[in-house]
C-alpha atoms as a PDB file:
ATOM      1  CA  UNK A   1       0.000   0.000   0.000  1.00  0.00           C
ATOM      2  CA  UNK A   2       1.452   3.375  -0.960  1.00  0.00           C
ATOM      3  CA  UNK A   3       1.982   6.117   1.585  1.00  0.00           C
ATOM      4  CA  UNK A   4      -0.800   8.250   0.046  1.00  0.00           C
ATOM      5  CA  UNK A   5      -3.296   5.385   0.207  1.00  0.00           C
ATOM      6  CA  UNK A   6      -2.304   4.557   3.776  1.00  0.00           C
ATOM      7  CA  UNK A   7      -2.683   8.190   4.800  1.00  0.00           C
ATOM      8  CA  UNK A   8      -6.121   8.405   3.158  1.00  0.00           C
ATOM      9  CA  UNK A   9      -7.209   5.154   4.833  1.00  0.00           C
ATOM     10  CA  UNK A  10      -6.022   6.422   8.230  1.00  0.00           C
ATOM     11  CA  UNK A  11      -7.922   9.698   7.794  1.00  0.00           C
ATOM     12  CA  UNK A  12     -11.046   7.825   6.726  1.00  0.00           C
ATOM     13  CA  UNK A  13     -10.856   5.427   9.679  1.00  0.00           C
ATOM     14  CA  UNK A  14     -10.262   8.316  12.089  1.00  0.00           C
ATOM     15  CA  UNK A  15     -13.273  10.221  10.758  1.00  0.00           C
ATOM     16  CA  UNK A  16     -15.485   7.160  11.182  1.00  0.00           C
ATOM     17  CA  UNK A  17     -14.499   6.584  14.824  1.00  0.00           C
ATOM     18  CA  UNK A  18     -14.790  10.102  16.300  1.00  0.00           C
ATOM     19  CA  UNK A  19     -17.893  11.533  17.910  1.00  0.00           C
ATOM     20  CA  UNK A  20     -20.184  13.782  15.899  1.00  0.00           C
ATOM     21  CA  UNK A  21     -19.205  16.823  17.965  1.00  0.00           C
ATOM     22  CA  UNK A  22     -15.487  16.070  17.483  1.00  0.00           C
ATOM     23  CA  UNK A  23     -16.034  15.667  13.741  1.00  0.00           C
ATOM     24  CA  UNK A  24     -17.913  18.954  13.688  1.00  0.00           C
ATOM     25  CA  UNK A  25     -15.056  20.791  15.381  1.00  0.00           C
ATOM     26  CA  UNK A  26     -12.589  19.138  12.986  1.00  0.00           C
ATOM     27  CA  UNK A  27     -14.660  20.431  10.056  1.00  0.00           C
ATOM     28  CA  UNK A  28     -14.686  23.936  11.496  1.00  0.00           C
ATOM     29  CA  UNK A  29     -10.911  23.837  11.999  1.00  0.00           C
ATOM     30  CA  UNK A  30     -10.397  22.711   8.406  1.00  0.00           C
ATOM     31  CA  UNK A  31     -12.884  25.298   7.157  1.00  0.00           C
ATOM     32  CA  UNK A  32     -11.049  28.117   8.918  1.00  0.00           C
ATOM     33  CA  UNK A  33      -7.683  26.837   7.723  1.00  0.00           C
ATOM     34  CA  UNK A  34      -8.879  26.667   4.109  1.00  0.00           C
ATOM     35  CA  UNK A  35     -10.319  30.178   4.336  1.00  0.00           C
ATOM     36  CA  UNK A  36      -7.094  31.594   5.788  1.00  0.00           C
ATOM     37  CA  UNK A  37      -4.991  30.035   3.022  1.00  0.00           C
ATOM     38  CA  UNK A  38      -7.532  31.043   0.369  1.00  0.00           C
ATOM     39  CA  UNK A  39      -7.556  34.627   1.606  1.00  0.00           C
ATOM     40  CA  UNK A  40      -3.739  34.762   1.576  1.00  0.00           C
ATOM     41  CA  UNK A  41      -3.674  33.266  -1.919  1.00  0.00           C
ATOM     42  CA  UNK A  42      -6.101  35.908  -3.191  1.00  0.00           C
ATOM     43  CA  UNK A  43      -3.927  38.624  -1.666  1.00  0.00           C
ATOM     44  CA  UNK A  44      -0.824  37.089  -3.282  1.00  0.00           C
ATOM     45  CA  UNK A  45      -2.464  36.817  -6.693  1.00  0.00           C
ATOM     46  CA  UNK A  46      -2.537  33.004  -6.712  1.00  0.00           C
ATOM     47  CA  UNK A  47      -6.005  32.209  -8.106  1.00  0.00           C
ATOM     48  CA  UNK A  48      -5.349  28.456  -8.405  1.00  0.00           C
ATOM     49  CA  UNK A  49      -4.610  27.986  -4.707  1.00  0.00           C
ATOM     50  CA  UNK A  50      -7.354  30.428  -3.744  1.00  0.00           C
ATOM     51  CA  UNK A  51      -9.872  28.565  -5.891  1.00  0.00           C
ATOM     52  CA  UNK A  52      -8.882  25.184  -4.496  1.00  0.00           C
ATOM     53  CA  UNK A  53      -8.985  26.202  -0.833  1.00  0.00           C
ATOM     54  CA  UNK A  54     -12.064  28.417  -1.034  1.00  0.00           C
ATOM     55  CA  UNK A  55     -13.816  25.719  -3.054  1.00  0.00           C
ATOM     56  CA  UNK A  56     -13.032  23.191  -0.328  1.00  0.00           C
ATOM     57  CA  UNK A  57     -14.373  25.646   2.258  1.00  0.00           C
ATOM     58  CA  UNK A  58     -17.592  25.921   0.265  1.00  0.00           C
ATOM     59  CA  UNK A  59     -17.890  22.120   0.227  1.00  0.00           C
ATOM     60  CA  UNK A  60     -17.497  22.040   4.014  1.00  0.00           C
ATOM     61  CA  UNK A  61     -20.150  24.730   4.404  1.00  0.00           C
ATOM     62  CA  UNK A  62     -22.492  22.698   2.186  1.00  0.00           C
ATOM     63  CA  UNK A  63     -21.844  19.642   4.348  1.00  0.00           C
ATOM     64  CA  UNK A  64     -22.477  21.614   7.536  1.00  0.00           C
ATOM     65  CA  UNK A  65     -25.682  22.959   6.009  1.00  0.00           C
ATOM     66  CA  UNK A  66     -26.888  19.529   4.940  1.00  0.00           C
ATOM     67  CA  UNK A  67     -26.335  17.990   8.379  1.00  0.00           C
ATOM     68  CA  UNK A  68     -28.328  20.580  10.301  1.00  0.00           C
ATOM     69  CA  UNK A  69     -31.538  19.019  11.532  1.00  0.00           C
ATOM     70  CA  UNK A  70     -33.899  21.904  12.245  1.00  0.00           C
ATOM     71  CA  UNK A  71     -36.592  19.472  13.377  1.00  0.00           C
ATOM     72  CA  UNK A  72     -34.388  18.647  16.376  1.00  0.00           C
ATOM     73  CA  UNK A  73     -32.930  22.139  16.707  1.00  0.00           C
ATOM     74  CA  UNK A  74     -35.345  24.752  15.247  1.00  0.00           C
ATOM     75  CA  UNK A  75     -32.899  27.585  16.006  1.00  0.00           C
ATOM     76  CA  UNK A  76     -30.552  25.996  13.479  1.00  0.00           C
ATOM     77  CA  UNK A  77     -32.555  27.577  10.652  1.00  0.00           C
ATOM     78  CA  UNK A  78     -30.648  30.842  11.099  1.00  0.00           C
ATOM     79  CA  UNK A  79     -27.366  28.972  11.028  1.00  0.00           C
ATOM     80  CA  UNK A  80     -28.430  27.185   7.843  1.00  0.00           C
ATOM     81  CA  UNK A  81     -29.173  30.530   6.178  1.00  0.00           C
ATOM     82  CA  UNK A  82     -25.795  31.866   7.348  1.00  0.00           C
ATOM     83  CA  UNK A  83     -23.992  28.891   5.802  1.00  0.00           C
ATOM     84  CA  UNK A  84     -25.738  29.494   2.462  1.00  0.00           C
ATOM     85  CA  UNK A  85     -24.971  33.223   2.597  1.00  0.00           C
ATOM     86  CA  UNK A  86     -21.280  32.436   3.194  1.00  0.00           C
ATOM     87  CA  UNK A  87     -21.196  30.053   0.237  1.00  0.00           C
ATOM     88  CA  UNK A  88     -22.453  32.908  -1.950  1.00  0.00           C
ATOM     89  CA  UNK A  89     -19.966  35.367  -0.455  1.00  0.00           C
ATOM     90  CA  UNK A  90     -17.112  32.967  -1.104  1.00  0.00           C
ATOM     91  CA  UNK A  91     -18.256  32.511  -4.690  1.00  0.00           C
ATOM     92  CA  UNK A  92     -18.162  36.299  -5.132  1.00  0.00           C
ATOM     93  CA  UNK A  93     -14.746  36.413  -3.451  1.00  0.00           C
ATOM     94  CA  UNK A  94     -13.379  33.903  -5.949  1.00  0.00           C
ATOM     95  CA  UNK A  95     -14.933  35.616  -8.976  1.00  0.00           C
ATOM     96  CA  UNK A  96     -13.943  39.145  -7.950  1.00  0.00           C
ATOM     97  CA  UNK A  97     -10.668  38.174  -6.266  1.00  0.00           C
ATOM     98  CA  UNK A  98     -11.870  39.884  -3.095  1.00  0.00           C
ATOM     99  CA  UNK A  99      -9.960  38.609  -0.038  1.00  0.00           C
ATOM    100  CA  UNK A 100     -11.991  40.878   2.250  1.00  0.00           C
ATOM    101  CA  UNK A 101     -15.122  38.787   1.609  1.00  0.00           C
ATOM    102  CA  UNK A 102     -13.200  35.695   2.711  1.00  0.00           C
ATOM    103  CA  UNK A 103     -11.963  37.521   5.820  1.00  0.00           C
ATOM    104  CA  UNK A 104     -15.520  38.527   6.728  1.00  0.00           C
ATOM    105  CA  UNK A 105     -16.712  34.924   6.498  1.00  0.00           C
ATOM    106  CA  UNK A 106     -13.756  33.737   8.555  1.00  0.00           C
ATOM    107  CA  UNK A 107     -14.481  36.351  11.234  1.00  0.00           C
ATOM    108  CA  UNK A 108     -18.073  35.089  11.478  1.00  0.00           C
ATOM    109  CA  UNK A 109     -16.973  31.467  11.734  1.00  0.00           C
ATOM    110  CA  UNK A 110     -14.437  31.812  14.560  1.00  0.00           C
ATOM    111  CA  UNK A 111     -17.047  32.403  17.297  1.00  0.00           C
ATOM    112  CA  UNK A 112     -19.186  29.589  15.863  1.00  0.00           C
ATOM    113  CA  UNK A 113     -16.235  27.210  16.011  1.00  0.00           C
ATOM    114  CA  UNK A 114     -15.532  28.310  19.575  1.00  0.00           C
ATOM    115  CA  UNK A 115     -19.186  27.726  20.519  1.00  0.00           C
ATOM    116  CA  UNK A 116     -19.109  24.186  19.123  1.00  0.00           C
ATOM    117  CA  UNK A 117     -15.907  23.537  21.073  1.00  0.00           C
ATOM    118  CA  UNK A 118     -17.650  24.740  24.208  1.00  0.00           C
ATOM    119  CA  UNK A 119     -20.639  22.497  23.469  1.00  0.00           C
ATOM    120  CA  UNK A 120     -18.385  19.494  22.923  1.00  0.00           C
ATOM    121  CA  UNK A 121     -16.708  20.290  26.240  1.00  0.00           C
ATOM    122  CA  UNK A 122     -20.045  19.870  27.999  1.00  0.00           C
ATOM    123  CA  UNK A 123     -20.348  16.506  26.290  1.00  0.00           C
ATOM    124  CA  UNK A 124     -16.865  15.257  27.246  1.00  0.00           C
ATOM    125  CA  UNK A 125     -16.124  17.211  30.427  1.00  0.00           C
ATOM    126  CA  UNK A 126     -12.854  18.555  28.970  1.00  0.00           C
ATOM    127  CA  UNK A 127     -11.756  22.168  29.222  1.00  0.00           C
ATOM    128  CA  UNK A 128     -12.404  23.939  25.928  1.00  0.00           C
ATOM    129  CA  UNK A 129      -9.361  25.216  24.074  1.00  0.00           C
ATOM    130  CA  UNK A 130     -10.220  26.872  20.741  1.00  0.00           C
ATOM    131  CA  UNK A 131      -8.261  25.262  17.941  1.00  0.00           C
ATOM    132  CA  UNK A 132      -7.672  22.093  19.964  1.00  0.00           C
ATOM    133  CA  UNK A 133     -10.208  19.312  20.084  1.00  0.00           C
ATOM    134  CA  UNK A 134     -11.376  17.661  23.294  1.00  0.00           C
ATOM    135  CA  UNK A 135      -9.173  14.748  24.296  1.00  0.00           C
ATOM    136  CA  UNK A 136     -11.523  12.366  26.074  1.00  0.00           C
ATOM    137  CA  UNK A 137     -15.126  11.237  26.196  1.00  0.00           C
ATOM    138  CA  UNK A 138     -17.192   8.308  25.105  1.00  0.00           C
ATOM    139  CA  UNK A 139     -18.108   9.886  21.776  1.00  0.00           C
ATOM    140  CA  UNK A 140     -21.881  10.047  22.212  1.00  0.00           C
ATOM    141  CA  UNK A 141     -23.074  13.025  20.206  1.00  0.00           C
ATOM    142  CA  UNK A 142     -25.359  15.485  21.975  1.00  0.00           C
ATOM    143  CA  UNK A 143     -24.576  18.654  20.036  1.00  0.00           C
ATOM    144  CA  UNK A 144     -27.738  20.076  18.391  1.00  0.00           C
ATOM    145  CA  UNK A 145     -27.595  19.925  14.637  1.00  0.00           C
ATOM    146  CA  UNK A 146     -24.570  17.639  14.555  1.00  0.00           C
ATOM    147  CA  UNK A 147     -25.749  14.611  12.636  1.00  0.00           C
END
């Protein structure tokens, strides 16, 4: 098995064995990372990298949107609309090469990521550290909207 295949298999296995709230925080971390790199690439005049990373961020936002269950968490409707708005803003950022639009989305996502970390802390009993996932817990998902 090649290194690339082994790495992909490991990532896939890891994603299948983590709790829903841990997976959610991992998605937010990746989303923010992609937006930061995409914003820097737009500023540097590198449309290929910007397109790749912002496109991946849009895919994550679509996934986050599709997993919100507003029947369980009716307040999630506002979050769903925010995700869709950001997807549109990122599309405009790519087309117009406007890093400020990416920065605005990123600034809105940081407190959301921090809130999900705090929610996952309640689930696991760990102290929340933004940018670092909880380290223990049985993995039972209780975070609203995390399917």
